[in-house]
Structure formats: C-alpha cells, structure tokens
Amino acid sequence: MQKLTYWGCFLIALLATQTGVFAQGKPVYTSPIGLQAYTFRGSWDKGIEATLDTIKSLGVTEMEGGPLKGMTAEELRKQLDKRGIKMVSIGADYKLLSESTAETIKNAKIFGAKYVMVAWIPHKGGNFDLETAKKAVADFNKAGKELKEAGITLTYHNHGYEFVPYEDGTLFDYIVKNTNPEYVSFEMDVLWTAFPGQDPAKLLLKYPTRWKLMHLKDLKKGVKGNLSGGTPTTNDVALGTGQIDIPAVLKAAKKVGIKHYFIEDESPSYLKQIPQTIAYIKGIKE
C-alpha cells in the first residue's frame, strides 16, 4: 500500500473535520486563516511570487508581515491583491518606531494594514527590568497616539522575557496597566506566553479588552521554558501536537474578541506542519 503524501493526509484530515468525523458541535475557529510572513523566511529569497502561490494554496487569506527584500511595497501589495490575500498587520522595529512613525505609517497605508506590531523591546544583557519597561510604556504611548491619528492600531507582541516578577504580578502586567488603551493594544504569541510559564487562556481573560491579534504556535512537549525569550526553532511544533492547550486558548480568544489570527511556525519543518495546524484548528469543536 502506498504511503500518503503530506498533502494527502491534510486533505483527508480536512474532509474529516468538515464531515464531523473528529467531533460534534460548532467549530471553535471560524476566522480566516492568517499567516505570519516570518514563517516563510527561508523561502522568500527563492522567489516571492512562487512563495505567495504556495501560501495561497494553503488557504491563507490574511497575512502579517511588511515589505520584503527584492520587491517594492507597492508591487508586493499588487501581488497580494492578485491572490486575494490581505496584509492586515505589519511589523515595526522598536527603535525606528520610537524615533519616527512616518515610515511605518507610509508602509501600513500602502498595504492597507490596520495594525502595526512590535515584537521585541531591546534590553541589555538579556535582563528585562523596570527601567526598560517604563521606557517602552512611554515610547508605545507616544507612537500609538500618532498611529491612531493615522487610523492604525499599535500592538505589542509579547516575547516571554516580560514576565519577570514585579509587585503582585509581572512586568508584562506593568506594561498593560500603564499603556493607554486608546493608543496601545496587544498581540498574544501563544508560545511566548506559555514558554515562561504563563497560562495563555487565563492571560487573555485577565485583560479582555486589550488583545487584538494572536500568533498561533505550539511548544514541543517536554521543553522547559524560561525568561530568555529564545528557544531552538525545532521546539515549534504543529498545533495540537505540543504541550499547549490550544482549544482552551482559542475559546478564550473568541470570548475576548481577537480580531485576527496568524499561524507562525519557526521550525525548519514549516511546510509539513502548517497543513497539520490548519486541519487541527478547523477540527476543534465547541
């Protein structure tokens, strides 16, 4: 008997989810399939248009990313439009954004993106401290105000190092409580919430009005986390095969009204794992 290809397995799994083989009830995940462009960092320089074709073939209709080397932002927008993919969020470098929001606003307008996300706050020696958190709060409030005036929402993407204990919570709590809700929102990275020992579902419910976006990722079983904000990329696994309670996360995310979800798979096996992830989230039922 011939072995099934990964695509064959994916189609069977997808058919099973659609026909109710895996579970009864309403599907939990009803949002468009989104993808973080960083997932395909090993593919873009081999051909942007070919990579976009692959992404489209996966059923992706939303992306988070931004300009790519080798193609103007205007041309990339045309290529996305051609494939029915919307760039709803773009990334921004913390330092550049804190100095000026002009370039970020320009790029967001070109792509039609309504969100800008910052994924890393620079900090010395791997130690995230109160002084750094205070500066980030001030920078986010300032940049967030300017972005809002341009019709764009600033979101901060947690990366694990912010969960240093502080008072009755963590420095992440400090950032949430001291940023202006009118100007600053948040994007939860599920892996970088669980890796330092936090419960993603509980954290979503703790700040129900502040979360707007989400990175869907799972952490390999048995991996012990820390506050470094770093782990080998091979610890990124297909959703449903790792140690994170993904159904609980998606139910909480739906409850707090997450607007857009982006699959981000940093592993070398992303082409194999993305179809598994998509089939899995579509198969989760109430």
Protein backbone atom coordinates (compact mmCIF):
# COMPACT_ATOMS: atom_id res chain seq x y z
CA MET A 1 0.00 0.00 0.00
CA GLN A 2 1.46 3.36 -1.00
CA LYS A 3 2.21 5.92 1.66
CA LEU A 4 0.07 9.05 1.63
CA THR A 5 1.76 12.36 0.90
CA TYR A 6 1.56 15.14 3.45
CA TRP A 7 -0.96 16.87 1.21
CA GLY A 8 -2.97 13.68 1.04
CA CYS A 9 -3.04 13.46 4.83
CA PHE A 10 -4.00 17.11 5.01
CA LEU A 11 -6.95 16.68 2.61
CA ILE A 12 -8.21 13.62 4.47
CA ALA A 13 -7.96 15.45 7.80
CA LEU A 14 -9.71 18.48 6.36
CA LEU A 15 -12.50 16.33 4.93
CA ALA A 16 -12.88 14.61 8.27
CA THR A 17 -13.25 17.91 10.11
CA GLN A 18 -15.81 19.14 7.60
CA THR A 19 -17.89 15.96 7.86
CA GLY A 20 -17.79 15.85 11.64
CA VAL A 21 -15.68 12.70 11.97
CA PHE A 22 -13.44 14.14 14.69
CA ALA A 23 -16.05 15.79 16.88
CA GLN A 24 -19.61 17.02 17.07
CA GLY A 25 -20.70 20.60 17.67
CA LYS A 26 -19.92 24.00 16.25
CA PRO A 27 -16.34 24.79 15.19
CA VAL A 28 -14.42 26.99 17.61
CA TYR A 29 -12.21 28.53 14.94
CA THR A 30 -14.31 30.43 12.41
CA SER A 31 -11.88 33.21 11.45
CA PRO A 32 -9.95 33.50 8.16
CA ILE A 33 -6.67 31.58 8.00
CA GLY A 34 -3.86 34.05 8.65
CA LEU A 35 -0.09 33.62 8.38
CA GLN A 36 2.93 35.46 9.75
CA ALA A 37 5.30 36.13 6.85
CA TYR A 38 8.32 35.27 9.03
CA THR A 39 7.23 31.64 8.80
CA PHE A 40 8.46 31.62 5.17
CA ARG A 41 11.74 33.45 5.85
CA GLY A 42 13.60 30.57 4.21
CA SER A 43 11.51 30.81 1.04
CA TRP A 44 11.16 34.48 0.12
CA ASP A 45 14.61 34.88 -1.45
CA LYS A 46 13.96 31.86 -3.66
CA GLY A 47 11.02 33.59 -5.29
CA ILE A 48 8.45 35.93 -3.78
CA GLU A 49 5.68 35.22 -6.29
CA ALA A 50 6.17 31.45 -6.07
CA THR A 51 6.11 31.66 -2.28
CA LEU A 52 2.89 33.67 -2.38
CA ASP A 53 1.40 30.99 -4.62
CA THR A 54 2.28 28.36 -2.02
CA ILE A 55 0.75 30.48 0.74
CA LYS A 56 -2.44 30.94 -1.27
CA SER A 57 -2.64 27.18 -1.90
CA LEU A 58 -2.76 26.66 1.87
CA GLY A 59 -5.99 28.64 2.05
CA VAL A 60 -4.40 31.69 3.63
CA THR A 61 -6.34 34.93 3.06
CA GLU A 62 -4.70 37.18 5.67
CA MET A 63 -1.09 37.95 6.47
CA GLU A 64 1.07 39.84 8.90
CA GLY A 65 4.41 40.99 7.56
CA GLY A 66 5.50 44.06 5.65
CA PRO A 67 7.98 44.98 2.92
CA LEU A 68 10.18 42.19 1.53
CA LYS A 69 13.70 42.46 0.15
CA GLY A 70 13.64 42.24 -3.64
CA MET A 71 10.22 43.78 -4.22
CA THR A 72 8.77 47.23 -3.61
CA ALA A 73 5.93 47.55 -1.11
CA GLU A 74 3.67 48.75 -3.92
CA GLU A 75 4.41 45.72 -6.11
CA LEU A 76 4.02 43.34 -3.16
CA ARG A 77 0.59 44.84 -2.49
CA LYS A 78 -0.36 44.16 -6.13
CA GLN A 79 0.81 40.56 -5.85
CA LEU A 80 -1.16 40.07 -2.64
CA ASP A 81 -4.30 41.59 -4.16
CA LYS A 82 -3.90 39.32 -7.17
CA ARG A 83 -4.09 36.30 -4.85
CA GLY A 84 -6.86 37.59 -2.61
CA ILE A 85 -4.58 37.96 0.42
CA LYS A 86 -4.91 40.95 2.75
CA MET A 87 -1.91 42.30 4.70
CA VAL A 88 -3.87 43.28 7.80
CA SER A 89 -0.85 43.87 10.06
CA ILE A 90 2.79 44.85 9.52
CA GLY A 91 5.78 44.60 11.81
CA ALA A 92 7.82 47.57 13.00
CA ASP A 93 11.26 47.84 14.59
CA TYR A 94 11.02 49.26 18.11
CA LYS A 95 13.93 51.69 17.73
CA LEU A 96 12.80 53.04 14.38
CA LEU A 97 9.21 53.41 15.55
CA SER A 98 10.25 55.24 18.72
CA GLU A 99 12.26 57.72 16.62
CA SER A 100 9.63 58.30 13.93
CA THR A 101 6.35 56.71 12.90
CA ALA A 102 6.38 58.23 9.39
CA GLU A 103 7.88 55.26 7.51
CA THR A 104 5.69 52.77 9.35
CA ILE A 105 2.54 54.75 8.61
CA LYS A 106 3.56 55.01 4.95
CA ASN A 107 4.04 51.25 4.63
CA ALA A 108 0.82 50.48 6.50
CA LYS A 109 -1.09 52.73 4.12
CA ILE A 110 0.46 51.05 1.06
CA PHE A 111 -0.60 47.60 2.30
CA GLY A 112 -3.93 48.73 3.68
CA ALA A 113 -2.87 47.37 7.09
CA LYS A 114 -4.92 48.45 10.11
CA TYR A 115 -2.43 47.12 12.67
CA VAL A 116 1.25 47.61 13.40
CA MET A 117 3.01 45.22 15.75
CA VAL A 118 6.28 45.47 17.66
CA ALA A 119 7.71 42.06 18.58
CA TRP A 120 10.82 42.95 20.59
CA ILE A 121 11.82 45.54 23.17
CA PRO A 122 15.63 45.91 23.22
CA HIS A 123 17.11 45.15 26.65
CA LYS A 124 20.68 44.79 27.88
CA GLY A 125 22.31 41.52 28.82
CA GLY A 126 19.12 39.54 28.42
CA ASN A 127 17.67 41.13 31.56
CA PHE A 128 14.34 42.90 31.15
CA ASP A 129 13.89 45.36 34.02
CA LEU A 130 11.52 48.04 35.29
CA GLU A 131 13.52 50.88 33.74
CA THR A 132 13.23 49.25 30.30
CA ALA A 133 9.53 48.62 30.83
CA LYS A 134 8.94 52.27 31.77
CA LYS A 135 10.71 53.48 28.63
CA ALA A 136 8.70 51.07 26.50
CA VAL A 137 5.46 52.35 28.01
CA ALA A 138 6.39 55.95 27.16
CA ASP A 139 7.50 55.03 23.63
CA PHE A 140 4.40 52.94 22.95
CA ASN A 141 2.04 55.63 24.22
CA LYS A 142 3.69 58.24 22.00
CA ALA A 143 3.90 56.09 18.86
CA GLY A 144 0.46 54.62 19.47
CA LYS A 145 -1.11 58.07 19.58
CA GLU A 146 0.49 59.03 16.25
CA LEU A 147 -0.59 55.75 14.66
CA LYS A 148 -4.15 56.13 15.91
CA GLU A 149 -4.33 59.58 14.33
CA ALA A 150 -3.47 57.83 11.05
CA GLY A 151 -6.19 55.22 11.57
CA ILE A 152 -3.80 52.44 12.66
CA THR A 153 -3.69 50.40 15.88
CA LEU A 154 -0.34 49.73 17.59
CA THR A 155 0.02 46.30 19.18
CA TYR A 156 2.85 44.92 21.28
CA HIS A 157 3.66 41.24 20.74
CA ASN A 158 4.87 39.60 23.95
CA HIS A 159 8.07 37.58 23.69
CA GLY A 160 8.44 35.85 27.05
CA TYR A 161 11.09 37.99 28.78
CA GLU A 162 8.45 40.48 30.05
CA PHE A 163 7.09 38.05 32.64
CA VAL A 164 9.72 38.96 35.24
CA PRO A 165 8.01 39.08 38.66
CA TYR A 166 7.06 42.62 39.71
CA GLU A 167 4.93 43.63 42.71
CA ASP A 168 1.84 41.37 42.66
CA GLY A 169 2.31 40.38 39.03
CA THR A 170 4.91 40.76 36.29
CA LEU A 171 6.49 43.50 34.19
CA PHE A 172 4.11 42.48 31.43
CA ASP A 173 1.27 43.45 33.76
CA TYR A 174 3.05 46.76 34.34
CA ILE A 175 3.18 47.44 30.59
CA VAL A 176 -0.50 46.61 30.11
CA LYS A 177 -1.63 48.74 33.06
CA ASN A 178 0.49 51.76 32.15
CA THR A 179 -0.06 51.96 28.41
CA ASN A 180 -3.06 53.97 27.26
CA PRO A 181 -5.80 51.60 26.00
CA GLU A 182 -6.75 54.20 23.38
CA TYR A 183 -3.30 54.04 21.83
CA VAL A 184 -1.80 50.64 22.67
CA SER A 185 -3.21 47.13 22.23
CA PHE A 186 -1.59 43.70 22.32
CA GLU A 187 -0.89 40.68 20.15
CA MET A 188 -0.53 37.42 22.05
CA ASP A 189 2.11 34.99 20.90
CA VAL A 190 0.81 31.75 22.38
CA LEU A 191 4.22 30.04 22.54
CA TRP A 192 5.95 33.05 24.09
CA THR A 193 3.23 33.20 26.72
CA ALA A 194 3.44 29.53 27.68
CA PHE A 195 7.25 29.23 27.45
CA PRO A 196 7.92 31.47 30.51
CA GLY A 197 5.23 29.63 32.49
CA GLN A 198 2.10 31.70 31.89
CA ASP A 199 -1.34 30.35 31.00
CA PRO A 200 -2.34 31.90 27.63
CA ALA A 201 -6.09 31.39 28.13
CA LYS A 202 -6.05 32.96 31.60
CA LEU A 203 -3.94 35.90 30.42
CA LEU A 204 -6.39 36.58 27.61
CA LEU A 205 -9.26 36.68 30.09
CA LYS A 206 -7.27 38.83 32.54
CA TYR A 207 -7.13 41.68 30.01
CA PRO A 208 -10.18 41.01 27.82
CA THR A 209 -10.28 44.42 26.14
CA ARG A 210 -6.58 44.78 25.30
CA TRP A 211 -5.91 41.85 22.96
CA LYS A 212 -6.50 42.33 19.23
CA LEU A 213 -4.21 39.86 17.39
CA MET A 214 -2.72 36.42 18.00
CA HIS A 215 0.21 34.29 16.83
CA LEU A 216 -0.83 30.64 16.77
CA LYS A 217 2.11 28.46 17.82
CA ASP A 218 2.66 25.33 19.90
CA LEU A 219 5.60 24.26 22.06
CA LYS A 220 7.15 20.82 21.88
CA LYS A 221 6.21 18.51 24.74
CA GLY A 222 8.80 18.21 27.50
CA VAL A 223 10.50 21.54 26.78
CA LYS A 224 11.19 23.57 29.93
CA GLY A 225 10.85 27.31 29.50
CA ASN A 226 12.47 30.39 30.99
CA LEU A 227 12.51 34.19 30.68
CA SER A 228 15.11 34.38 27.88
CA GLY A 229 12.68 34.97 25.02
CA GLY A 230 14.53 32.35 23.00
CA THR A 231 14.35 28.62 22.27
CA PRO A 232 15.55 26.40 19.38
CA THR A 233 13.24 26.66 16.35
CA THR A 234 12.81 22.89 16.40
CA ASN A 235 10.70 23.39 19.54
CA ASP A 236 7.97 24.92 17.34
CA VAL A 237 5.57 22.09 16.52
CA ALA A 238 2.26 21.76 14.68
CA LEU A 239 -0.69 22.93 16.75
CA GLY A 240 -2.23 20.12 18.73
CA THR A 241 0.99 18.09 18.96
CA GLY A 242 2.67 20.18 21.67
CA GLN A 243 2.14 20.98 25.33
CA ILE A 244 -0.20 23.99 25.00
CA ASP A 245 -3.96 23.58 25.48
CA ILE A 246 -4.88 25.10 22.10
CA PRO A 247 -8.66 24.52 22.39
CA ALA A 248 -8.73 26.45 25.67
CA VAL A 249 -6.69 29.26 24.11
CA LEU A 250 -8.96 29.53 21.05
CA LYS A 251 -12.10 29.52 23.19
CA ALA A 252 -10.72 32.31 25.38
CA ALA A 253 -9.55 34.23 22.31
CA LYS A 254 -13.03 34.01 20.80
CA LYS A 255 -14.55 35.19 24.09
CA VAL A 256 -12.36 38.32 24.27
CA GLY A 257 -12.86 39.09 20.59
CA ILE A 258 -9.46 38.54 18.98
CA LYS A 259 -9.68 40.17 15.56
CA HIS A 260 -7.06 38.28 13.53
CA TYR A 261 -5.04 35.09 13.97
CA PHE A 262 -1.69 34.39 12.31
CA ILE A 263 -0.06 30.97 12.17
CA GLU A 264 3.64 31.39 12.87
CA ASP A 265 5.84 28.34 12.58
CA GLU A 266 9.56 28.98 13.03
CA SER A 267 10.59 25.34 12.66
CA PRO A 268 12.54 24.00 9.67
CA SER A 269 9.51 21.75 9.02
CA TYR A 270 7.01 24.58 8.47
CA LEU A 271 5.87 23.30 5.06
CA LYS A 272 4.96 19.97 6.63
CA GLN A 273 3.49 21.40 9.82
CA ILE A 274 1.29 24.22 8.51
CA PRO A 275 -1.25 21.88 6.83
CA GLN A 276 -1.39 19.88 10.07
CA THR A 277 -2.01 23.05 12.05
CA ILE A 278 -4.77 24.24 9.73
CA ALA A 279 -6.55 20.88 9.79
CA TYR A 280 -6.26 20.78 13.58
CA ILE A 281 -7.72 24.20 14.33
CA LYS A 282 -10.57 23.62 11.87
CA GLY A 283 -11.37 20.36 13.66
CA ILE A 284 -11.78 21.84 17.15
CA LYS A 285 -15.45 21.87 18.16
CA GLU A 286 -17.40 23.53 20.97
